[in-house]
Amino acid sequence: MKDSPKQFATVLLSLSLFALAGAIVYFTYEMASVSKQIPDILVRIDNTTEKIEPIIDEVSEIVDLVPPILKEVEATRKLIPPILKEVEQTRKMIPPILDEVAQTRQQIPVVLKESEAIRGDLPAVLVSVDKASAAVTDVAQQVEKTRPLIPKVIKEVETTRESIPGMMDRADVLIEKARVAGKEASQGAVTGFFKGIILAPFALVGDAGKSIIGLSETEAKQLDETDFDLVEQVVLELLNTGVKGEQRQWENSGNNTHGVVSLINIYEKDDFSGIECRTLELKLYKNDEEMQDANRAFCKDDEGKWDFAE
């Protein structure tokens, strides 16, 4: 029994040696298998080495590019704060822009309403344009009718030029008489006398001056001589030099009266006489109230004076 542990240890040692021998055999077998794969592994390593070399070159190029990229990134970082600041300012501007847009939206209905009103006025505007075109045509026709009279007018102008010296002599005589009359008459009478001298070649026939307005005797008593003189002066200006549609205004503050005279038509008395006629509209106001609104027609007589049309 004393030899049993020793024998057991001997058996274990033998088994261990046997296991070690088996392991060595298996290792040798595996090493043989590995040794067979070594050429293939070496080939793969060579192939991998060939692929790694261009990658290393490319990596080297990339490494060379890193500093400028980092520099550009740094410059970009420096630009970020002002960009953020500008964005912040833009954000602050958005609310007032939105308010303005809201106000604009509120005005759109009003604008659309005004546009609709303008559209409604267009027909009337077009009618006015048509009337204006008709008036232009009328004026053109009147101009065309006036052209044959130009030689006659030129002849009358020449005749008038020839008579100017005699008229000047008469004017000197009249002025001398006016000086004498000035000693015996008031300032208003002298003024009226000179007015007669100036307008004599284009005077109204008879007492047409006081009949121009067409007032009744009772109404005429509300006017004074200055009113009649002013009306006559404005009427003569339009009869002699006015154009169709022209207006002249007068005012007598001393009598609180004023008026408007409009030349509304120019025509010939008939197709063959060549006598010029004109129609005036006379409006008279007293204390800002209308006293009269009437149309009066005048034609020239053989002496070149204006008289009421028959």
Protein backbone atom coordinates (compact mmCIF):
# COMPACT_ATOMS: atom_id res chain seq x y z
CA MET A 1 0.00 0.00 0.00
CA LYS A 2 2.91 2.27 0.58
CA ASP A 3 3.86 1.97 -3.10
CA SER A 4 0.37 2.97 -4.39
CA PRO A 5 0.93 6.80 -4.51
CA LYS A 6 4.15 6.30 -6.25
CA GLN A 7 2.62 4.00 -8.80
CA PHE A 8 -0.26 6.49 -9.30
CA ALA A 9 2.18 9.30 -9.88
CA THR A 10 4.08 7.14 -12.36
CA VAL A 11 0.87 6.45 -14.24
CA LEU A 12 -0.01 10.16 -14.28
CA LEU A 13 3.45 11.02 -15.53
CA SER A 14 3.11 8.47 -18.30
CA LEU A 15 -0.26 9.86 -19.26
CA SER A 16 1.09 13.39 -19.24
CA LEU A 17 4.00 12.37 -21.45
CA PHE A 18 1.58 10.65 -23.79
CA ALA A 19 -0.64 13.74 -23.93
CA LEU A 20 2.39 15.95 -24.52
CA ALA A 21 3.53 13.69 -27.32
CA GLY A 22 0.04 13.85 -28.86
CA ALA A 23 0.04 17.61 -28.60
CA ILE A 24 3.45 17.79 -30.25
CA VAL A 25 2.23 15.52 -33.01
CA TYR A 26 -0.91 17.64 -33.51
CA PHE A 27 1.14 20.87 -33.46
CA THR A 28 3.51 19.37 -36.00
CA TYR A 29 0.54 18.44 -38.16
CA GLU A 30 -0.96 21.91 -37.88
CA MET A 31 2.37 23.55 -38.58
CA ALA A 32 2.63 21.47 -41.72
CA SER A 33 -0.82 22.75 -42.78
CA VAL A 34 0.15 26.31 -41.94
CA SER A 35 3.41 26.02 -43.82
CA LYS A 36 1.44 25.01 -46.87
CA GLN A 37 -0.58 28.27 -46.63
CA ILE A 38 2.43 30.52 -46.05
CA PRO A 39 3.18 31.08 -49.79
CA ASP A 40 -0.42 32.14 -50.40
CA ILE A 41 -0.30 34.43 -47.37
CA LEU A 42 2.95 35.95 -48.60
CA VAL A 43 1.37 36.56 -52.02
CA ARG A 44 -1.58 38.27 -50.36
CA ILE A 45 0.79 40.35 -48.27
CA ASP A 46 2.62 41.41 -51.43
CA ASN A 47 -0.68 42.34 -53.11
CA THR A 48 -1.78 44.25 -50.07
CA THR A 49 1.57 46.07 -49.98
CA GLU A 50 1.13 47.09 -53.61
CA LYS A 51 -2.32 48.54 -52.78
CA ILE A 52 -1.16 50.23 -49.61
CA GLU A 53 1.63 52.19 -51.32
CA PRO A 54 -0.73 54.40 -53.53
CA ILE A 55 -2.99 54.79 -50.51
CA ILE A 56 -0.02 56.01 -48.52
CA ASP A 57 0.85 58.45 -51.32
CA GLU A 58 -2.73 59.70 -51.42
CA VAL A 59 -2.78 60.04 -47.66
CA SER A 60 0.43 62.06 -47.94
CA GLU A 61 -1.22 64.38 -50.45
CA ILE A 62 -4.23 64.70 -48.17
CA VAL A 63 -1.92 65.54 -45.29
CA ASP A 64 -0.39 68.28 -47.45
CA LEU A 65 -3.87 69.68 -48.09
CA VAL A 66 -4.84 69.74 -44.43
CA PRO A 67 -3.03 73.05 -43.52
CA PRO A 68 -4.75 75.19 -46.20
CA ILE A 69 -8.07 73.53 -45.37
CA LEU A 70 -7.55 74.34 -41.70
CA LYS A 71 -6.59 77.89 -42.67
CA GLU A 72 -9.76 78.25 -44.76
CA VAL A 73 -11.83 76.81 -41.92
CA GLU A 74 -10.28 79.36 -39.58
CA ALA A 75 -11.13 82.19 -42.00
CA THR A 76 -14.68 80.83 -42.28
CA ARG A 77 -14.95 80.78 -38.49
CA LYS A 78 -13.96 84.45 -38.42
CA LEU A 79 -16.79 85.22 -40.88
CA ILE A 80 -19.40 83.48 -38.77
CA PRO A 81 -19.82 86.26 -36.10
CA PRO A 82 -20.58 89.08 -38.60
CA ILE A 83 -22.91 86.72 -40.47
CA LEU A 84 -24.70 85.90 -37.22
CA LYS A 85 -24.86 89.63 -36.43
CA GLU A 86 -26.36 90.38 -39.84
CA VAL A 87 -28.84 87.55 -39.38
CA GLU A 88 -29.80 89.03 -36.02
CA GLN A 89 -30.34 92.45 -37.60
CA THR A 90 -32.41 90.83 -40.32
CA ARG A 91 -34.54 89.12 -37.69
CA LYS A 92 -35.12 92.48 -36.01
CA MET A 93 -36.29 93.93 -39.33
CA ILE A 94 -38.83 91.17 -39.91
CA PRO A 95 -41.51 92.44 -37.44
CA PRO A 96 -41.77 95.95 -38.96
CA ILE A 97 -41.81 94.39 -42.43
CA LEU A 98 -44.65 92.13 -41.35
CA ASP A 99 -46.47 95.15 -39.87
CA GLU A 100 -46.06 97.04 -43.15
CA VAL A 101 -47.32 94.01 -45.07
CA ALA A 102 -50.34 93.87 -42.74
CA GLN A 103 -51.04 97.58 -43.30
CA THR A 104 -50.71 97.06 -47.05
CA ARG A 105 -53.20 94.21 -46.88
CA GLN A 106 -55.62 96.48 -45.04
CA GLN A 107 -55.29 99.08 -47.81
CA ILE A 108 -55.93 96.58 -50.59
CA PRO A 109 -59.76 96.67 -50.20
CA VAL A 110 -59.70 100.48 -50.35
CA VAL A 111 -57.51 100.39 -53.48
CA LEU A 112 -59.78 97.81 -55.07
CA LYS A 113 -62.80 99.96 -54.23
CA GLU A 114 -61.15 103.04 -55.80
CA SER A 115 -60.22 100.97 -58.86
CA GLU A 116 -63.84 99.87 -59.14
CA ALA A 117 -64.96 103.51 -58.89
CA ILE A 118 -62.47 104.47 -61.61
CA ARG A 119 -63.81 101.69 -63.79
CA GLY A 120 -67.28 103.08 -63.25
CA ASP A 121 -66.06 106.53 -64.36
CA LEU A 122 -64.43 105.21 -67.52
CA PRO A 123 -67.61 105.36 -69.65
CA ALA A 124 -68.12 109.03 -68.73
CA VAL A 125 -64.45 109.73 -69.48
CA LEU A 126 -64.76 108.04 -72.85
CA VAL A 127 -67.88 110.10 -73.58
CA SER A 128 -65.93 113.26 -72.69
CA VAL A 129 -63.11 112.15 -74.98
CA ASP A 130 -65.61 111.61 -77.79
CA LYS A 131 -67.03 115.10 -77.17
CA ALA A 132 -63.53 116.55 -77.17
CA SER A 133 -62.78 114.77 -80.45
CA ALA A 134 -65.99 116.19 -81.91
CA ALA A 135 -64.98 119.66 -80.67
CA VAL A 136 -61.57 119.28 -82.31
CA THR A 137 -63.26 118.29 -85.54
CA ASP A 138 -65.51 121.34 -85.24
CA VAL A 139 -62.51 123.60 -84.66
CA ALA A 140 -60.72 122.09 -87.63
CA GLN A 141 -63.77 122.74 -89.80
CA GLN A 142 -63.96 126.32 -88.57
CA VAL A 143 -60.26 126.80 -89.28
CA GLU A 144 -60.80 125.41 -92.74
CA LYS A 145 -63.66 127.88 -93.27
CA THR A 146 -61.50 130.71 -91.96
CA ARG A 147 -58.65 130.10 -94.40
CA PRO A 148 -60.43 131.73 -97.38
CA LEU A 149 -60.88 134.86 -95.24
CA ILE A 150 -57.14 135.26 -94.62
CA PRO A 151 -56.49 137.32 -97.77
CA LYS A 152 -59.40 139.59 -96.82
CA VAL A 153 -58.02 139.97 -93.29
CA ILE A 154 -54.56 140.76 -94.64
CA LYS A 155 -56.08 143.34 -96.92
CA GLU A 156 -57.96 144.89 -93.98
CA VAL A 157 -54.74 144.94 -91.96
CA GLU A 158 -52.97 146.73 -94.79
CA THR A 159 -55.84 149.22 -94.99
CA THR A 160 -55.67 149.71 -91.23
CA ARG A 161 -51.92 150.34 -91.41
CA GLU A 162 -52.46 153.00 -94.06
CA SER A 163 -55.06 154.72 -91.88
CA ILE A 164 -52.90 154.69 -88.74
CA PRO A 165 -51.24 158.09 -89.37
CA GLY A 166 -54.65 159.76 -89.73
CA MET A 167 -55.90 157.98 -86.65
CA MET A 168 -52.84 159.15 -84.72
CA ASP A 169 -53.62 162.73 -85.72
CA ARG A 170 -57.20 162.25 -84.54
CA ALA A 171 -55.90 160.68 -81.32
CA ASP A 172 -53.75 163.75 -80.66
CA VAL A 173 -56.80 165.96 -81.13
CA LEU A 174 -58.89 163.75 -78.88
CA ILE A 175 -56.19 163.73 -76.21
CA GLU A 176 -56.06 167.47 -76.28
CA LYS A 177 -59.84 167.55 -75.91
CA ALA A 178 -59.53 165.05 -73.07
CA ARG A 179 -57.18 167.36 -71.24
CA VAL A 180 -59.72 170.13 -71.52
CA ALA A 181 -62.51 167.76 -70.47
CA GLY A 182 -60.41 166.65 -67.51
CA LYS A 183 -60.64 170.09 -66.03
CA GLU A 184 -64.43 169.96 -66.16
CA ALA A 185 -65.20 166.31 -65.49
CA SER A 186 -64.47 163.79 -62.76
CA GLN A 187 -61.75 161.18 -62.89
CA GLY A 188 -64.28 158.49 -63.81
CA ALA A 189 -65.54 160.43 -66.82
CA VAL A 190 -61.99 160.92 -68.14
CA THR A 191 -61.24 157.21 -67.64
CA GLY A 192 -64.37 156.30 -69.56
CA PHE A 193 -63.43 158.75 -72.31
CA PHE A 194 -60.00 157.19 -72.78
CA LYS A 195 -61.58 153.73 -72.71
CA GLY A 196 -63.77 154.89 -75.60
CA ILE A 197 -60.68 156.05 -77.50
CA ILE A 198 -58.90 152.73 -77.05
CA LEU A 199 -61.88 150.53 -77.95
CA ALA A 200 -63.39 152.79 -80.62
CA PRO A 201 -62.35 150.63 -83.63
CA PHE A 202 -64.03 147.61 -81.98
CA ALA A 203 -66.88 149.37 -80.18
CA LEU A 204 -70.38 148.02 -79.59
CA VAL A 205 -73.18 149.59 -81.59
CA GLY A 206 -75.39 152.15 -79.83
CA ASP A 207 -76.05 151.52 -76.14
CA ALA A 208 -75.36 147.80 -76.48
CA GLY A 209 -72.87 148.07 -73.59
CA LYS A 210 -75.64 148.40 -71.02
CA SER A 211 -77.79 145.81 -72.77
CA ILE A 212 -75.14 143.09 -72.84
CA ILE A 213 -76.10 141.47 -69.57
CA GLY A 214 -79.82 141.43 -70.39
CA LEU A 215 -81.08 142.53 -66.96
CA SER A 216 -84.44 144.02 -66.26
CA GLU A 217 -84.67 147.71 -65.40
CA THR A 218 -85.08 146.88 -61.71
CA GLU A 219 -82.10 144.53 -61.72
CA ALA A 220 -79.94 147.00 -63.64
CA LYS A 221 -80.44 149.57 -60.87
CA GLN A 222 -78.38 147.32 -58.56
CA LEU A 223 -75.32 147.87 -60.80
CA ASP A 224 -73.21 150.97 -61.27
CA GLU A 225 -71.32 152.40 -64.24
CA THR A 226 -68.14 150.57 -63.25
CA ASP A 227 -69.97 147.24 -63.50
CA PHE A 228 -71.17 148.02 -67.03
CA ASP A 229 -67.73 149.26 -68.07
CA LEU A 230 -66.02 146.12 -66.78
CA VAL A 231 -68.56 143.84 -68.49
CA GLU A 232 -68.21 145.72 -71.76
CA GLN A 233 -64.40 145.56 -71.60
CA VAL A 234 -64.33 141.80 -70.98
CA VAL A 235 -66.97 141.17 -73.66
CA LEU A 236 -65.00 143.17 -76.24
CA GLU A 237 -61.78 141.30 -75.41
CA LEU A 238 -63.46 137.96 -76.06
CA LEU A 239 -65.26 139.21 -79.18
CA ASN A 240 -62.06 140.57 -80.72
CA THR A 241 -59.30 138.21 -79.60
CA GLY A 242 -60.87 135.31 -77.70
CA VAL A 243 -60.79 131.66 -78.72
CA LYS A 244 -63.59 129.17 -78.26
CA GLY A 245 -63.80 127.95 -74.67
CA GLU A 246 -61.87 130.93 -73.24
CA GLN A 247 -63.16 132.66 -70.10
CA ARG A 248 -62.62 136.13 -68.65
CA GLN A 249 -63.51 137.25 -65.12
CA TRP A 250 -64.23 140.71 -63.76
CA GLU A 251 -64.84 142.09 -60.28
CA ASN A 252 -66.06 145.39 -58.82
CA SER A 253 -65.27 145.22 -55.11
CA GLY A 254 -66.80 148.65 -54.58
CA ASN A 255 -70.24 147.29 -55.52
CA ASN A 256 -69.59 143.73 -54.34
CA THR A 257 -70.24 142.39 -57.83
CA HIS A 258 -68.31 140.03 -60.09
CA GLY A 259 -68.89 137.92 -63.14
CA VAL A 260 -67.58 135.39 -65.66
CA VAL A 261 -67.87 135.70 -69.45
CA SER A 262 -67.21 132.64 -71.64
CA LEU A 263 -66.83 132.39 -75.41
CA ILE A 264 -68.89 129.30 -76.25
CA ASN A 265 -69.21 129.49 -80.04
CA ILE A 266 -67.70 131.14 -83.15
CA TYR A 267 -69.59 130.91 -86.44
CA GLU A 268 -70.53 132.73 -89.66
CA LYS A 269 -73.89 134.43 -90.02
CA ASP A 270 -74.53 132.44 -93.20
CA ASP A 271 -72.56 130.45 -95.74
CA PHE A 272 -71.93 133.33 -98.19
CA SER A 273 -71.75 136.58 -96.23
CA GLY A 274 -68.49 135.85 -94.39
CA ILE A 275 -69.84 137.82 -91.40
CA GLU A 276 -68.29 136.62 -88.17
CA CYS A 277 -70.55 135.95 -85.18
CA ARG A 278 -69.76 134.88 -81.63
CA THR A 279 -71.90 133.58 -78.74
CA LEU A 280 -71.02 134.51 -75.17
CA GLU A 281 -72.27 133.14 -71.86
CA LEU A 282 -72.50 135.85 -69.20
CA LYS A 283 -72.79 135.07 -65.51
CA LEU A 284 -73.34 137.90 -63.02
CA TYR A 285 -73.10 137.68 -59.22
CA LYS A 286 -74.16 140.24 -56.61
CA ASN A 287 -73.16 139.60 -52.97
CA ASP A 288 -72.08 136.09 -54.12
CA GLU A 289 -75.62 135.34 -55.35
CA GLU A 290 -76.26 134.70 -59.03
CA MET A 291 -78.25 137.48 -60.69
CA GLN A 292 -78.01 136.40 -64.30
CA ASP A 293 -76.85 133.48 -66.48
CA ALA A 294 -77.61 134.17 -70.14
CA ASN A 295 -76.21 133.56 -73.62
CA ARG A 296 -75.78 136.56 -75.93
CA ALA A 297 -74.88 136.37 -79.65
CA PHE A 298 -73.04 139.16 -81.51
CA CYS A 299 -72.17 139.72 -85.17
CA LYS A 300 -70.00 142.35 -86.86
CA ASP A 301 -71.64 145.00 -88.97
CA ASP A 302 -70.26 146.66 -92.13
CA GLU A 303 -68.22 149.09 -90.00
CA GLY A 304 -66.55 146.30 -88.04
CA LYS A 305 -68.54 147.00 -84.88
CA TRP A 306 -70.24 144.31 -82.83
CA ASP A 307 -74.02 144.29 -82.59
CA PHE A 308 -76.52 141.82 -81.23
CA ALA A 309 -77.22 139.01 -83.68
CA GLU A 310 -80.62 139.16 -85.37
